[in-house]
C-alpha atoms as a PDB file:
ATOM      1  CA  PHE A   1       0.000   0.000   0.000  1.00  0.00           C
ATOM      2  CA  TRP A   2       2.711   2.513   0.969  1.00  0.00           C
ATOM      3  CA  GLN A   3       4.683   1.731  -2.174  1.00  0.00           C
ATOM      4  CA  ASP A   4       1.692   2.776  -4.284  1.00  0.00           C
ATOM      5  CA  ILE A   5       1.464   6.064  -2.400  1.00  0.00           C
ATOM      6  CA  GLU A   6       5.176   6.752  -2.865  1.00  0.00           C
ATOM      7  CA  LYS A   7       4.848   6.103  -6.621  1.00  0.00           C
ATOM      8  CA  ALA A   8       1.826   8.397  -7.005  1.00  0.00           C
ATOM      9  CA  HIS A   9       2.277  11.637  -8.912  1.00  0.00           C
ATOM     10  CA  THR A  10       2.192  14.936  -7.076  1.00  0.00           C
ATOM     11  CA  ILE A  11       0.698  18.192  -8.231  1.00  0.00           C
ATOM     12  CA  ASP A  12       2.707  21.407  -8.174  1.00  0.00           C
ATOM     13  CA  ALA A  13      -0.148  23.814  -7.534  1.00  0.00           C
ATOM     14  CA  VAL A  14       0.169  27.538  -6.980  1.00  0.00           C
ATOM     15  CA  PRO A  15      -2.257  29.650  -4.976  1.00  0.00           C
ATOM     16  CA  VAL A  16      -4.841  31.627  -6.919  1.00  0.00           C
ATOM     17  CA  VAL A  17      -4.242  35.377  -6.758  1.00  0.00           C
ATOM     18  CA  HIS A  18      -7.215  37.749  -6.986  1.00  0.00           C
ATOM     19  CA  ALA A  19      -6.583  41.356  -8.011  1.00  0.00           C
ATOM     20  CA  ARG A  20      -8.156  44.240  -9.881  1.00  0.00           C
ATOM     21  CA  TRP A  21      -7.110  46.879 -12.406  1.00  0.00           C
ATOM     22  CA  VAL A  22      -6.334  50.197 -10.697  1.00  0.00           C
ATOM     23  CA  HIS A  23      -6.560  53.419 -12.725  1.00  0.00           C
ATOM     24  CA  GLU A  24      -3.672  55.666 -11.621  1.00  0.00           C
ATOM     25  CA  GLN A  25      -2.045  58.860 -12.770  1.00  0.00           C
ATOM     26  CA  ARG A  26       1.528  58.395 -13.934  1.00  0.00           C
ATOM     27  CA  TYR A  27       3.987  61.020 -12.745  1.00  0.00           C
ATOM     28  CA  GLY A  28       7.245  62.078 -14.314  1.00  0.00           C
ATOM     29  CA  ASP A  29       8.173  62.866 -17.901  1.00  0.00           C
ATOM     30  CA  SER A  30       5.423  60.904 -19.634  1.00  0.00           C
ATOM     31  CA  GLY A  31       2.503  61.825 -17.331  1.00  0.00           C
ATOM     32  CA  GLY A  32      -0.992  60.584 -18.199  1.00  0.00           C
ATOM     33  CA  TRP A  33      -3.143  57.822 -16.763  1.00  0.00           C
ATOM     34  CA  VAL A  34      -2.346  54.107 -16.640  1.00  0.00           C
ATOM     35  CA  TRP A  35      -3.981  50.858 -15.519  1.00  0.00           C
ATOM     36  CA  ARG A  36      -1.991  48.783 -13.002  1.00  0.00           C
ATOM     37  CA  CYS A  37      -2.516  45.322 -11.545  1.00  0.00           C
ATOM     38  CA  SER A  38      -3.214  45.608  -7.811  1.00  0.00           C
ATOM     39  CA  ALA A  39      -1.186  42.420  -7.175  1.00  0.00           C
ATOM     40  CA  CYS A  40       2.063  42.944  -9.096  1.00  0.00           C
ATOM     41  CA  ARG A  41       1.719  46.711  -9.789  1.00  0.00           C
ATOM     42  CA  ARG A  42       2.772  46.171 -13.427  1.00  0.00           C
ATOM     43  CA  GLU A  43       1.322  48.587 -15.938  1.00  0.00           C
ATOM     44  CA  ALA A  44      -1.112  47.327 -18.580  1.00  0.00           C
ATOM     45  CA  ILE A  45       0.508  47.574 -21.997  1.00  0.00           C
ATOM     46  CA  SER A  46      -2.690  48.918 -23.531  1.00  0.00           C
ATOM     47  CA  PRO A  47      -6.012  50.297 -22.279  1.00  0.00           C
ATOM     48  CA  ILE A  48      -7.629  47.258 -23.911  1.00  0.00           C
ATOM     49  CA  ILE A  49      -5.686  45.009 -21.531  1.00  0.00           C
ATOM     50  CA  SER A  50      -7.577  46.523 -18.594  1.00  0.00           C
ATOM     51  CA  ALA A  51     -10.730  44.819 -19.878  1.00  0.00           C
ATOM     52  CA  LEU A  52      -9.125  41.368 -19.595  1.00  0.00           C
ATOM     53  CA  LYS A  53      -9.935  38.981 -16.769  1.00  0.00           C
ATOM     54  CA  TYR A  54      -6.268  38.107 -16.088  1.00  0.00           C
ATOM     55  CA  CYS A  55      -3.091  40.131 -15.555  1.00  0.00           C
ATOM     56  CA  HIS A  56      -0.691  39.632 -18.456  1.00  0.00           C
ATOM     57  CA  SER A  57       2.298  39.841 -16.081  1.00  0.00           C
ATOM     58  CA  CYS A  58       1.451  37.781 -12.989  1.00  0.00           C
ATOM     59  CA  GLY A  59      -1.653  35.850 -14.040  1.00  0.00           C
ATOM     60  CA  ALA A  60      -3.849  37.226 -11.241  1.00  0.00           C
ATOM     61  CA  ILE A  61      -7.584  36.839 -11.772  1.00  0.00           C
ATOM     62  CA  MET A  62      -9.138  40.295 -12.047  1.00  0.00           C
ATOM     63  CA  ASP A  63     -12.210  39.750  -9.898  1.00  0.00           C
ATOM     64  CA  ALA A  64     -11.296  41.479  -6.632  1.00  0.00           C
ATOM     65  CA  LYS A  65     -13.593  44.184  -5.305  1.00  0.00           C
ATOM     66  CA  GLU A  66     -12.466  47.753  -4.657  1.00  0.00           C
ATOM     67  CA  GLU A  67     -10.960  48.336  -1.233  1.00  0.00           C
END
């Protein structure tokens, strides 16, 4: 019995991260407004990206509610 358990495959699972797109003003030379992931803080590469359900950088699911 124990030999079967030791031979069984394991699953390398990662925790699910929930985040949301945050609309922020960018400061510095370029200025303007950007969308950022609330989990990894990476900027969306396009305003269209902010409509997606996943972050393109960290894979967070964009279903978190506003704080």
